PDB file of N, CA and C in Angstrom:
ATOM      1  N   MET A   1     118.710 118.626 130.200  1.00  0.00           N
ATOM      2  CA  MET A   1     119.409 117.876 131.214  1.00  0.00           C
ATOM      3  C   MET A   1     120.067 116.553 130.640  1.00  0.00           C
ATOM      4  N   PRO A   2     121.249 116.302 130.682  1.00  0.00           N
ATOM      5  CA  PRO A   2     121.804 115.115 130.086  1.00  0.00           C
ATOM      6  C   PRO A   2     121.349 113.784 130.968  1.00  0.00           C
ATOM      7  N   SER A   3     121.234 112.746 130.395  1.00  0.00           N
ATOM      8  CA  SER A   3     120.848 111.529 130.988  1.00  0.00           C
ATOM      9  C   SER A   3     122.095 110.847 131.429  1.00  0.00           C
ATOM     10  N   THR A   4     121.951 109.705 132.147  1.00  0.00           N
ATOM     11  CA  THR A   4     123.146 109.002 132.677  1.00  0.00           C
ATOM     12  C   THR A   4     124.068 108.429 131.603  1.00  0.00           C
ATOM     13  N   ASP A   5     123.461 108.215 130.368  1.00  0.00           N
ATOM     14  CA  ASP A   5     124.351 107.622 129.265  1.00  0.00           C
ATOM     15  C   ASP A   5     124.920 108.743 128.398  1.00  0.00           C
ATOM     16  N   GLY A   6     124.817 109.962 128.731  1.00  0.00           N
ATOM     17  CA  GLY A   6     125.482 110.980 128.064  1.00  0.00           C
ATOM     18  C   GLY A   6     124.581 111.691 126.979  1.00  0.00           C
ATOM     19  N   THR A   7     123.350 111.099 126.754  1.00  0.00           N
ATOM     20  CA  THR A   7     122.555 111.676 125.654  1.00  0.00           C
ATOM     21  C   THR A   7     121.569 112.775 126.362  1.00  0.00           C
ATOM     22  N   ALA A   8     121.015 113.617 125.463  1.00  0.00           N
ATOM     23  CA  ALA A   8     120.102 114.613 126.120  1.00  0.00           C
ATOM     24  C   ALA A   8     118.738 113.929 126.533  1.00  0.00           C
ATOM     25  N   ALA A   9     118.333 114.222 127.787  1.00  0.00           N
ATOM     26  CA  ALA A   9     117.155 113.686 128.244  1.00  0.00           C
ATOM     27  C   ALA A   9     115.912 114.451 127.557  1.00  0.00           C
ATOM     28  N   THR A  10     114.855 113.666 127.411  1.00  0.00           N
ATOM     29  CA  THR A  10     113.733 114.224 126.666  1.00  0.00           C
ATOM     30  C   THR A  10     112.483 114.346 127.608  1.00  0.00           C
ATOM     31  N   SER A  11     111.683 115.426 127.360  1.00  0.00           N
ATOM     32  CA  SER A  11     110.564 115.543 128.149  1.00  0.00           C
ATOM     33  C   SER A  11     109.343 115.072 127.496  1.00  0.00           C
ATOM     34  N   HIS A  12     109.596 114.627 126.313  1.00  0.00           N
ATOM     35  CA  HIS A  12     108.375 114.137 125.495  1.00  0.00           C
ATOM     36  C   HIS A  12     108.509 112.752 125.002  1.00  0.00           C
ATOM     37  N   ALA A  13     107.348 112.176 124.787  1.00  0.00           N
ATOM     38  CA  ALA A  13     107.368 110.727 124.303  1.00  0.00           C
ATOM     39  C   ALA A  13     107.842 110.742 122.837  1.00  0.00           C
ATOM     40  N   LYS A  14     108.194 109.472 122.370  1.00  0.00           N
ATOM     41  CA  LYS A  14     108.710 109.186 121.005  1.00  0.00           C
ATOM     42  C   LYS A  14     107.607 108.534 120.332  1.00  0.00           C
ATOM     43  N   ILE A  15     106.795 109.290 119.603  1.00  0.00           N
ATOM     44  CA  ILE A  15     105.644 108.710 118.720  1.00  0.00           C
ATOM     45  C   ILE A  15     105.638 109.614 117.482  1.00  0.00           C
ATOM     46  N   SER A  16     105.569 108.780 116.403  1.00  0.00           N
ATOM     47  CA  SER A  16     105.671 109.542 115.122  1.00  0.00           C
ATOM     48  C   SER A  16     104.914 108.795 113.957  1.00  0.00           C
ATOM     49  N   THR A  17     104.546 109.377 112.974  1.00  0.00           N
ATOM     50  CA  THR A  17     103.820 108.838 111.893  1.00  0.00           C
ATOM     51  C   THR A  17     104.353 109.342 110.613  1.00  0.00           C
ATOM     52  N   HIS A  18     104.063 108.655 109.440  1.00  0.00           N
ATOM     53  CA  HIS A  18     104.436 109.137 108.045  1.00  0.00           C
ATOM     54  C   HIS A  18     103.353 108.620 107.285  1.00  0.00           C
ATOM     55  N   ILE A  19     102.800 109.457 106.394  1.00  0.00           N
ATOM     56  CA  ILE A  19     101.877 109.152 105.370  1.00  0.00           C
ATOM     57  C   ILE A  19     102.382 109.143 103.914  1.00  0.00           C
ATOM     58  N   LEU A  20     102.356 108.135 103.306  1.00  0.00           N
ATOM     59  CA  LEU A  20     102.853 108.093 101.916  1.00  0.00           C
ATOM     60  C   LEU A  20     101.560 107.780 100.955  1.00  0.00           C
ATOM     61  N   ASP A  21     101.336 108.623  99.987  1.00  0.00           N
ATOM     62  CA  ASP A  21     100.314 108.290  99.022  1.00  0.00           C
ATOM     63  C   ASP A  21     100.875 107.325  97.992  1.00  0.00           C
ATOM     64  N   THR A  22     100.329 106.068  97.958  1.00  0.00           N
ATOM     65  CA  THR A  22     100.945 104.979  97.193  1.00  0.00           C
ATOM     66  C   THR A  22     100.605 105.134  95.739  1.00  0.00           C
ATOM     67  N   VAL A  23      99.515 105.944  95.403  1.00  0.00           N
ATOM     68  CA  VAL A  23      99.180 106.167  94.082  1.00  0.00           C
ATOM     69  C   VAL A  23     100.176 107.114  93.322  1.00  0.00           C
ATOM     70  N   THR A  24     100.522 108.156  93.998  1.00  0.00           N
ATOM     71  CA  THR A  24     101.560 109.164  93.413  1.00  0.00           C
ATOM     72  C   THR A  24     103.003 108.937  93.723  1.00  0.00           C
ATOM     73  N   GLY A  25     103.161 108.160  94.891  1.00  0.00           N
ATOM     74  CA  GLY A  25     104.449 107.945  95.470  1.00  0.00           C
ATOM     75  C   GLY A  25     104.988 109.176  96.234  1.00  0.00           C
ATOM     76  N   ASP A  26     104.145 110.203  96.392  1.00  0.00           N
ATOM     77  CA  ASP A  26     104.527 111.305  97.327  1.00  0.00           C
ATOM     78  C   ASP A  26     104.072 111.256  98.654  1.00  0.00           C
ATOM     79  N   PRO A  27     104.722 112.119  99.543  1.00  0.00           N
ATOM     80  CA  PRO A  27     104.187 112.248 100.939  1.00  0.00           C
ATOM     81  C   PRO A  27     102.908 112.926 100.897  1.00  0.00           C
ATOM     82  N   ALA A  28     102.023 112.487 101.843  1.00  0.00           N
ATOM     83  CA  ALA A  28     100.683 113.279 101.951  1.00  0.00           C
ATOM     84  C   ALA A  28     100.905 114.313 102.961  1.00  0.00           C
ATOM     85  N   ARG A  29     100.825 115.623 102.452  1.00  0.00           N
ATOM     86  CA  ARG A  29     101.213 116.771 103.136  1.00  0.00           C
ATOM     87  C   ARG A  29      99.908 117.357 103.754  1.00  0.00           C
ATOM     88  N   ASP A  30     100.048 117.995 104.903  1.00  0.00           N
ATOM     89  CA  ASP A  30      99.026 118.676 105.592  1.00  0.00           C
ATOM     90  C   ASP A  30      97.739 117.901 105.887  1.00  0.00           C
ATOM     91  N   VAL A  31      98.044 116.696 106.317  1.00  0.00           N
ATOM     92  CA  VAL A  31      96.933 115.815 106.775  1.00  0.00           C
ATOM     93  C   VAL A  31      96.796 116.031 108.337  1.00  0.00           C
ATOM     94  N   TYR A  32      95.633 116.299 108.752  1.00  0.00           N
ATOM     95  CA  TYR A  32      95.370 116.473 110.213  1.00  0.00           C
ATOM     96  C   TYR A  32      95.305 115.001 110.844  1.00  0.00           C
ATOM     97  N   VAL A  33      96.025 114.963 111.896  1.00  0.00           N
ATOM     98  CA  VAL A  33      96.084 113.730 112.654  1.00  0.00           C
ATOM     99  C   VAL A  33      95.929 113.886 114.141  1.00  0.00           C
ATOM    100  N   ARG A  34      95.150 113.161 114.869  1.00  0.00           N
ATOM    101  CA  ARG A  34      94.836 113.249 116.273  1.00  0.00           C
ATOM    102  C   ARG A  34      95.445 111.963 116.906  1.00  0.00           C
ATOM    103  N   LEU A  35      96.094 112.198 118.151  1.00  0.00           N
ATOM    104  CA  LEU A  35      96.635 111.043 118.922  1.00  0.00           C
ATOM    105  C   LEU A  35      95.758 110.996 120.139  1.00  0.00           C
ATOM    106  N   GLU A  36      95.053 109.924 120.410  1.00  0.00           N
ATOM    107  CA  GLU A  36      94.154 109.805 121.638  1.00  0.00           C
ATOM    108  C   GLU A  36      94.609 108.602 122.420  1.00  0.00           C
ATOM    109  N   ARG A  37      94.311 108.740 123.813  1.00  0.00           N
ATOM    110  CA  ARG A  37      94.733 107.689 124.756  1.00  0.00           C
ATOM    111  C   ARG A  37      93.404 107.175 125.346  1.00  0.00           C
ATOM    112  N   ARG A  38      93.195 105.862 125.562  1.00  0.00           N
ATOM    113  CA  ARG A  38      92.014 105.339 126.108  1.00  0.00           C
ATOM    114  C   ARG A  38      92.208 105.271 127.673  1.00  0.00           C
ATOM    115  N   ASP A  39      91.158 105.906 128.405  1.00  0.00           N
ATOM    116  CA  ASP A  39      91.180 105.789 129.783  1.00  0.00           C
ATOM    117  C   ASP A  39      89.850 105.403 130.223  1.00  0.00           C
ATOM    118  N   SER A  40      89.514 105.377 131.539  1.00  0.00           N
ATOM    119  CA  SER A  40      88.288 104.800 132.113  1.00  0.00           C
ATOM    120  C   SER A  40      87.022 105.536 131.592  1.00  0.00           C
ATOM    121  N   ASP A  41      87.181 106.805 131.000  1.00  0.00           N
ATOM    122  CA  ASP A  41      86.039 107.583 130.415  1.00  0.00           C
ATOM    123  C   ASP A  41      85.972 107.498 128.994  1.00  0.00           C
ATOM    124  N   GLY A  42      86.757 106.809 128.212  1.00  0.00           N
ATOM    125  CA  GLY A  42      86.852 106.678 126.879  1.00  0.00           C
ATOM    126  C   GLY A  42      88.087 107.175 126.257  1.00  0.00           C
ATOM    127  N   TRP A  43      88.035 107.856 125.117  1.00  0.00           N
ATOM    128  CA  TRP A  43      89.237 108.243 124.296  1.00  0.00           C
ATOM    129  C   TRP A  43      89.383 109.851 124.790  1.00  0.00           C
ATOM    130  N   LYS A  44      90.741 110.111 125.017  1.00  0.00           N
ATOM    131  CA  LYS A  44      91.130 111.532 125.396  1.00  0.00           C
ATOM    132  C   LYS A  44      92.222 112.053 124.412  1.00  0.00           C
ATOM    133  N   LEU A  45      91.967 113.204 123.895  1.00  0.00           N
ATOM    134  CA  LEU A  45      92.981 113.757 122.953  1.00  0.00           C
ATOM    135  C   LEU A  45      94.215 114.175 123.822  1.00  0.00           C
ATOM    136  N   ILE A  46      95.370 113.682 123.302  1.00  0.00           N
ATOM    137  CA  ILE A  46      96.554 114.084 124.003  1.00  0.00           C
ATOM    138  C   ILE A  46      97.562 114.746 123.093  1.00  0.00           C
ATOM    139  N   ALA A  47      97.301 114.691 121.701  1.00  0.00           N
ATOM    140  CA  ALA A  47      98.255 115.494 120.694  1.00  0.00           C
ATOM    141  C   ALA A  47      97.471 115.547 119.430  1.00  0.00           C
ATOM    142  N   GLU A  48      97.777 116.636 118.711  1.00  0.00           N
ATOM    143  CA  GLU A  48      97.250 116.695 117.377  1.00  0.00           C
ATOM    144  C   GLU A  48      98.202 117.558 116.573  1.00  0.00           C
ATOM    145  N   GLY A  49      98.074 117.432 115.166  1.00  0.00           N
ATOM    146  CA  GLY A  49      98.919 118.198 114.334  1.00  0.00           C
ATOM    147  C   GLY A  49      98.720 117.825 112.887  1.00  0.00           C
ATOM    148  N   ARG A  50      99.443 118.427 112.001  1.00  0.00           N
ATOM    149  CA  ARG A  50      99.408 118.149 110.510  1.00  0.00           C
ATOM    150  C   ARG A  50     100.689 117.701 110.153  1.00  0.00           C
ATOM    151  N   THR A  51     100.591 116.824 109.056  1.00  0.00           N
ATOM    152  CA  THR A  51     101.862 116.283 108.548  1.00  0.00           C
ATOM    153  C   THR A  51     102.668 117.403 107.859  1.00  0.00           C
ATOM    154  N   ASP A  52     103.969 117.267 107.872  1.00  0.00           N
ATOM    155  CA  ASP A  52     104.764 118.283 107.209  1.00  0.00           C
ATOM    156  C   ASP A  52     104.935 118.069 105.737  1.00  0.00           C
ATOM    157  N   ASP A  53     105.854 118.714 105.038  1.00  0.00           N
ATOM    158  CA  ASP A  53     106.018 118.587 103.530  1.00  0.00           C
ATOM    159  C   ASP A  53     106.601 117.189 103.075  1.00  0.00           C
ATOM    160  N   ASP A  54     107.076 116.432 104.103  1.00  0.00           N
ATOM    161  CA  ASP A  54     107.636 115.051 103.886  1.00  0.00           C
ATOM    162  C   ASP A  54     106.560 114.082 104.496  1.00  0.00           C
ATOM    163  N   GLY A  55     105.330 114.483 104.722  1.00  0.00           N
ATOM    164  CA  GLY A  55     104.260 113.565 105.208  1.00  0.00           C
ATOM    165  C   GLY A  55     104.521 113.107 106.523  1.00  0.00           C
ATOM    166  N   ARG A  56     105.347 113.709 107.289  1.00  0.00           N
ATOM    167  CA  ARG A  56     105.626 113.215 108.677  1.00  0.00           C
ATOM    168  C   ARG A  56     105.098 114.073 109.770  1.00  0.00           C
ATOM    169  N   LEU A  57     104.749 113.431 110.937  1.00  0.00           N
ATOM    170  CA  LEU A  57     104.346 114.145 112.049  1.00  0.00           C
ATOM    171  C   LEU A  57     104.971 113.541 113.332  1.00  0.00           C
ATOM    172  N   ARG A  58     105.692 114.258 114.087  1.00  0.00           N
ATOM    173  CA  ARG A  58     106.229 113.795 115.352  1.00  0.00           C
ATOM    174  C   ARG A  58     105.395 114.481 116.440  1.00  0.00           C
ATOM    175  N   HIS A  59     104.577 113.682 117.190  1.00  0.00           N
ATOM    176  CA  HIS A  59     103.755 114.224 118.262  1.00  0.00           C
ATOM    177  C   HIS A  59     104.556 114.587 119.358  1.00  0.00           C
ATOM    178  N   ARG A  60     104.399 115.736 120.012  1.00  0.00           N
ATOM    179  CA  ARG A  60     105.096 116.051 121.242  1.00  0.00           C
ATOM    180  C   ARG A  60     104.144 115.781 122.470  1.00  0.00           C
ATOM    181  N   VAL A  61     104.222 114.687 122.962  1.00  0.00           N
ATOM    182  CA  VAL A  61     103.431 114.242 124.003  1.00  0.00           C
ATOM    183  C   VAL A  61     104.190 114.432 125.413  1.00  0.00           C
ATOM    184  N   PRO A  62     103.720 115.165 126.362  1.00  0.00           N
ATOM    185  CA  PRO A  62     104.473 115.173 127.657  1.00  0.00           C
ATOM    186  C   PRO A  62     104.541 113.777 128.290  1.00  0.00           C
ATOM    187  N   LEU A  63     105.672 113.435 128.878  1.00  0.00           N
ATOM    188  CA  LEU A  63     105.885 112.200 129.390  1.00  0.00           C
ATOM    189  C   LEU A  63     104.820 111.756 130.431  1.00  0.00           C
ATOM    190  N   HIS A  64     104.202 112.752 131.151  1.00  0.00           N
ATOM    191  CA  HIS A  64     103.147 112.292 132.100  1.00  0.00           C
ATOM    192  C   HIS A  64     101.857 111.842 131.379  1.00  0.00           C
ATOM    193  N   ASP A  65     101.686 112.185 130.145  1.00  0.00           N
ATOM    194  CA  ASP A  65     100.622 111.692 129.381  1.00  0.00           C
ATOM    195  C   ASP A  65     100.855 110.485 128.600  1.00  0.00           C
ATOM    196  N   TRP A  66     102.141 109.996 128.602  1.00  0.00           N
ATOM    197  CA  TRP A  66     102.555 108.750 127.673  1.00  0.00           C
ATOM    198  C   TRP A  66     102.870 107.643 128.705  1.00  0.00           C
ATOM    199  N   GLN A  67     102.093 106.650 128.632  1.00  0.00           N
ATOM    200  CA  GLN A  67     102.188 105.503 129.606  1.00  0.00           C
ATOM    201  C   GLN A  67     101.824 104.283 128.909  1.00  0.00           C
ATOM    202  N   ALA A  68     102.038 103.069 129.498  1.00  0.00           N
ATOM    203  CA  ALA A  68     101.545 101.904 128.941  1.00  0.00           C
ATOM    204  C   ALA A  68     100.016 101.869 128.760  1.00  0.00           C
ATOM    205  N   GLY A  69      99.463 101.369 127.661  1.00  0.00           N
ATOM    206  CA  GLY A  69      97.928 101.299 127.523  1.00  0.00           C
ATOM    207  C   GLY A  69      97.623 101.505 126.096  1.00  0.00           C
ATOM    208  N   GLY A  70      96.320 101.816 125.855  1.00  0.00           N
ATOM    209  CA  GLY A  70      95.775 101.849 124.459  1.00  0.00           C
ATOM    210  C   GLY A  70      95.769 103.339 123.974  1.00  0.00           C
ATOM    211  N   TYR A  71      96.154 103.326 122.595  1.00  0.00           N
ATOM    212  CA  TYR A  71      96.131 104.591 121.929  1.00  0.00           C
ATOM    213  C   TYR A  71      95.488 104.375 120.662  1.00  0.00           C
ATOM    214  N   ARG A  72      95.280 105.521 119.917  1.00  0.00           N
ATOM    215  CA  ARG A  72      94.852 105.562 118.522  1.00  0.00           C
ATOM    216  C   ARG A  72      95.224 106.700 117.860  1.00  0.00           C
ATOM    217  N   LEU A  73      95.605 106.571 116.572  1.00  0.00           N
ATOM    218  CA  LEU A  73      95.848 107.733 115.673  1.00  0.00           C
ATOM    219  C   LEU A  73      94.599 107.794 114.732  1.00  0.00           C
ATOM    220  N   VAL A  74      94.079 108.965 114.690  1.00  0.00           N
ATOM    221  CA  VAL A  74      92.957 109.256 113.695  1.00  0.00           C
ATOM    222  C   VAL A  74      93.485 110.188 112.596  1.00  0.00           C
ATOM    223  N   PHE A  75      93.482 109.625 111.413  1.00  0.00           N
ATOM    224  CA  PHE A  75      93.963 110.342 110.279  1.00  0.00           C
ATOM    225  C   PHE A  75      92.669 110.905 109.457  1.00  0.00           C
ATOM    226  N   TYR A  76      92.676 112.237 109.407  1.00  0.00           N
ATOM    227  CA  TYR A  76      91.523 112.800 108.510  1.00  0.00           C
ATOM    228  C   TYR A  76      91.972 112.968 107.195  1.00  0.00           C
ATOM    229  N   VAL A  77      91.733 112.023 106.312  1.00  0.00           N
ATOM    230  CA  VAL A  77      92.337 112.076 104.911  1.00  0.00           C
ATOM    231  C   VAL A  77      91.478 112.525 103.990  1.00  0.00           C
ATOM    232  N   GLU A  78      90.071 112.682 104.210  1.00  0.00           N
ATOM    233  CA  GLU A  78      89.200 113.243 103.084  1.00  0.00           C
ATOM    234  C   GLU A  78      89.604 114.526 102.478  1.00  0.00           C
ATOM    235  N   PRO A  79      90.024 115.463 103.254  1.00  0.00           N
ATOM    236  CA  PRO A  79      90.481 116.706 102.595  1.00  0.00           C
ATOM    237  C   PRO A  79      91.692 116.490 101.681  1.00  0.00           C
ATOM    238  N   TYR A  80      92.579 115.597 101.983  1.00  0.00           N
ATOM    239  CA  TYR A  80      93.717 115.177 101.084  1.00  0.00           C
ATOM    240  C   TYR A  80      93.315 114.448  99.865  1.00  0.00           C
ATOM    241  N   LEU A  81      92.563 113.455 100.164  1.00  0.00           N
ATOM    242  CA  LEU A  81      92.038 112.571  98.981  1.00  0.00           C
ATOM    243  C   LEU A  81      90.938 113.271  98.200  1.00  0.00           C
ATOM    244  N   GLY A  82      90.146 114.058  98.645  1.00  0.00           N
ATOM    245  CA  GLY A  82      89.067 114.720  97.961  1.00  0.00           C
ATOM    246  C   GLY A  82      87.670 114.012  98.383  1.00  0.00           C
ATOM    247  N   GLY A  83      86.608 114.526  97.934  1.00  0.00           N
ATOM    248  CA  GLY A  83      85.291 114.085  98.334  1.00  0.00           C
ATOM    249  C   GLY A  83      84.913 112.594  97.827  1.00  0.00           C
ATOM    250  N   GLU A  84      85.621 112.065  96.987  1.00  0.00           N
ATOM    251  CA  GLU A  84      85.382 110.833  96.412  1.00  0.00           C
ATOM    252  C   GLU A  84      86.117 109.712  97.246  1.00  0.00           C
ATOM    253  N   ALA A  85      86.749 110.155  98.286  1.00  0.00           N
ATOM    254  CA  ALA A  85      87.470 109.131  99.112  1.00  0.00           C
ATOM    255  C   ALA A  85      86.565 108.185  99.823  1.00  0.00           C
ATOM    256  N   PHE A  86      86.869 106.860  99.634  1.00  0.00           N
ATOM    257  CA  PHE A  86      86.049 105.842 100.225  1.00  0.00           C
ATOM    258  C   PHE A  86      86.206 105.852 101.725  1.00  0.00           C
ATOM    259  N   PHE A  87      87.420 106.088 102.241  1.00  0.00           N
ATOM    260  CA  PHE A  87      87.621 106.245 103.706  1.00  0.00           C
ATOM    261  C   PHE A  87      87.835 107.660 104.050  1.00  0.00           C
ATOM    262  N   PRO A  88      86.863 108.446 104.567  1.00  0.00           N
ATOM    263  CA  PRO A  88      87.147 109.803 104.988  1.00  0.00           C
ATOM    264  C   PRO A  88      88.036 109.955 106.028  1.00  0.00           C
ATOM    265  N   GLU A  89      88.120 109.001 106.950  1.00  0.00           N
ATOM    266  CA  GLU A  89      89.081 109.083 108.052  1.00  0.00           C
ATOM    267  C   GLU A  89      89.518 107.547 108.361  1.00  0.00           C
ATOM    268  N   ILE A  90      90.754 107.432 108.918  1.00  0.00           N
ATOM    269  CA  ILE A  90      91.300 106.191 109.277  1.00  0.00           C
ATOM    270  C   ILE A  90      91.668 106.225 110.679  1.00  0.00           C
ATOM    271  N   THR A  91      91.218 105.210 111.437  1.00  0.00           N
ATOM    272  CA  THR A  91      91.606 105.099 112.848  1.00  0.00           C
ATOM    273  C   THR A  91      92.502 103.916 112.996  1.00  0.00           C
ATOM    274  N   VAL A  92      93.725 104.098 113.619  1.00  0.00           N
ATOM    275  CA  VAL A  92      94.628 102.988 113.818  1.00  0.00           C
ATOM    276  C   VAL A  92      94.800 102.935 115.348  1.00  0.00           C
ATOM    277  N   ALA A  93      94.242 101.865 115.887  1.00  0.00           N
ATOM    278  CA  ALA A  93      94.434 101.594 117.399  1.00  0.00           C
ATOM    279  C   ALA A  93      95.655 100.669 117.663  1.00  0.00           C
ATOM    280  N   PHE A  94      96.267 101.042 118.759  1.00  0.00           N
ATOM    281  CA  PHE A  94      97.478 100.122 119.109  1.00  0.00           C
ATOM    282  C   PHE A  94      97.754 100.215 120.582  1.00  0.00           C
ATOM    283  N   HIS A  95      98.562  99.370 121.079  1.00  0.00           N
ATOM    284  CA  HIS A  95      98.993  99.348 122.493  1.00  0.00           C
ATOM    285  C   HIS A  95     100.419  99.716 122.657  1.00  0.00           C
ATOM    286  N   VAL A  96     100.682 100.517 123.647  1.00  0.00           N
ATOM    287  CA  VAL A  96     102.070 100.911 123.970  1.00  0.00           C
ATOM    288  C   VAL A  96     102.320  99.955 125.223  1.00  0.00           C
ATOM    289  N   HIS A  97     103.283  99.192 125.100  1.00  0.00           N
ATOM    290  CA  HIS A  97     103.706  98.279 126.208  1.00  0.00           C
ATOM    291  C   HIS A  97     104.841  98.737 126.991  1.00  0.00           C
ATOM    292  N   ASP A  98     105.817  99.547 126.175  1.00  0.00           N
ATOM    293  CA  ASP A  98     107.037 100.054 126.819  1.00  0.00           C
ATOM    294  C   ASP A  98     107.148 101.534 126.485  1.00  0.00           C
ATOM    295  N   PRO A  99     106.663 102.459 127.310  1.00  0.00           N
ATOM    296  CA  PRO A  99     106.629 103.922 126.956  1.00  0.00           C
ATOM    297  C   PRO A  99     107.953 104.494 126.746  1.00  0.00           C
ATOM    298  N   GLY A 100     109.075 103.860 127.100  1.00  0.00           N
ATOM    299  CA  GLY A 100     110.380 104.269 126.870  1.00  0.00           C
ATOM    300  C   GLY A 100     110.856 104.019 125.421  1.00  0.00           C
ATOM    301  N   ARG A 101     110.099 103.192 124.718  1.00  0.00           N
ATOM    302  CA  ARG A 101     110.558 102.910 123.290  1.00  0.00           C
ATOM    303  C   ARG A 101     110.043 104.006 122.265  1.00  0.00           C
ATOM    304  N   HIS A 102     110.541 104.095 121.093  1.00  0.00           N
ATOM    305  CA  HIS A 102     109.956 104.895 119.947  1.00  0.00           C
ATOM    306  C   HIS A 102     108.923 104.138 119.351  1.00  0.00           C
ATOM    307  N   TYR A 103     107.762 104.707 119.133  1.00  0.00           N
ATOM    308  CA  TYR A 103     106.648 104.142 118.340  1.00  0.00           C
ATOM    309  C   TYR A 103     106.448 104.996 117.022  1.00  0.00           C
ATOM    310  N   HIS A 104     106.529 104.269 115.908  1.00  0.00           N
ATOM    311  CA  HIS A 104     106.308 104.875 114.648  1.00  0.00           C
ATOM    312  C   HIS A 104     105.287 104.138 113.944  1.00  0.00           C
ATOM    313  N   VAL A 105     104.236 104.783 113.517  1.00  0.00           N
ATOM    314  CA  VAL A 105     103.109 104.195 112.853  1.00  0.00           C
ATOM    315  C   VAL A 105     102.853 104.777 111.620  1.00  0.00           C
ATOM    316  N   PRO A 106     103.419 104.211 110.497  1.00  0.00           N
ATOM    317  CA  PRO A 106     103.164 104.770 109.173  1.00  0.00           C
ATOM    318  C   PRO A 106     101.939 104.320 108.581  1.00  0.00           C
ATOM    319  N   LEU A 107     101.469 105.110 107.574  1.00  0.00           N
ATOM    320  CA  LEU A 107     100.272 104.883 106.797  1.00  0.00           C
ATOM    321  C   LEU A 107     100.500 104.932 105.293  1.00  0.00           C
ATOM    322  N   LEU A 108     100.301 103.815 104.632  1.00  0.00           N
ATOM    323  CA  LEU A 108     100.405 103.773 103.193  1.00  0.00           C
ATOM    324  C   LEU A 108      98.989 104.039 102.684  1.00  0.00           C
ATOM    325  N   LEU A 109      98.729 105.061 101.867  1.00  0.00           N
ATOM    326  CA  LEU A 109      97.382 105.601 101.582  1.00  0.00           C
ATOM    327  C   LEU A 109      97.068 105.547 100.135  1.00  0.00           C
ATOM    328  N   SER A 110      95.855 105.168  99.753  1.00  0.00           N
ATOM    329  CA  SER A 110      95.238 105.262  98.414  1.00  0.00           C
ATOM    330  C   SER A 110      93.861 105.668  98.515  1.00  0.00           C
ATOM    331  N   ARG A 111      93.169 106.141  97.527  1.00  0.00           N
ATOM    332  CA  ARG A 111      91.753 106.406  97.546  1.00  0.00           C
ATOM    333  C   ARG A 111      90.898 105.310  98.063  1.00  0.00           C
ATOM    334  N   TYR A 112      91.200 104.069  97.678  1.00  0.00           N
ATOM    335  CA  TYR A 112      90.260 102.951  98.195  1.00  0.00           C
ATOM    336  C   TYR A 112      90.974 101.992  99.106  1.00  0.00           C
ATOM    337  N   GLY A 113      92.073 102.242  99.744  1.00  0.00           N
ATOM    338  CA  GLY A 113      92.574 101.395 100.726  1.00  0.00           C
ATOM    339  C   GLY A 113      93.753 102.003 101.379  1.00  0.00           C
ATOM    340  N   TYR A 114      94.148 101.366 102.535  1.00  0.00           N
ATOM    341  CA  TYR A 114      95.342 101.783 103.184  1.00  0.00           C
ATOM    342  C   TYR A 114      95.927 100.591 103.911  1.00  0.00           C
ATOM    343  N   THR A 115      97.320 100.791 104.269  1.00  0.00           N
ATOM    344  CA  THR A 115      98.023  99.730 104.996  1.00  0.00           C
ATOM    345  C   THR A 115      98.913 100.496 106.043  1.00  0.00           C
ATOM    346  N   THR A 116      98.887  99.799 107.275  1.00  0.00           N
ATOM    347  CA  THR A 116      99.739 100.279 108.344  1.00  0.00           C
ATOM    348  C   THR A 116     100.493  99.209 108.913  1.00  0.00           C
ATOM    349  N   TYR A 117     101.659  99.679 109.757  1.00  0.00           N
ATOM    350  CA  TYR A 117     102.390  98.645 110.362  1.00  0.00           C
ATOM    351  C   TYR A 117     103.100  99.390 111.472  1.00  0.00           C
ATOM    352  N   ARG A 118     103.827  98.535 112.389  1.00  0.00           N
ATOM    353  CA  ARG A 118     104.669  99.085 113.331  1.00  0.00           C
ATOM    354  C   ARG A 118     106.096  99.376 112.750  1.00  0.00           C
ATOM    355  N   GLY A 119     106.352 100.612 112.667  1.00  0.00           N
ATOM    356  CA  GLY A 119     107.669 100.956 112.017  1.00  0.00           C
ATOM    357  C   GLY A 119     108.764 101.207 112.971  1.00  0.00           C
ATOM    358  N   SER A 120     109.985 101.622 112.588  1.00  0.00           N
ATOM    359  CA  SER A 120     111.006 101.859 113.435  1.00  0.00           C
ATOM    360  C   SER A 120     111.453 103.248 113.474  1.00  0.00           C
TER     361      SER A 120
END
């Protein structure tokens, strides 16, 4: 259904991530990632998936599950990095203040460290 501005309306939230291996310079492929939302009972899984060949994952979250509040991405990186990984999983918590905006949360990854930021 078209929106009032002529663009196609979406039934899913705009949330994505990208994992780049900073040691090799390559995208981190096939990494399992969970998206969770905090509610009164704790953390609730709302989406999950694996990064594609370009290290990207676009979560398809129904709009009724995407609202202002606390979220976290949990990156299960040990299978990608191997058993010697210092961080077997990485949790990045963030707040959604405007559910109508696109949220992109990249992860720059190495065996002994990581960096993240609010992307565009």
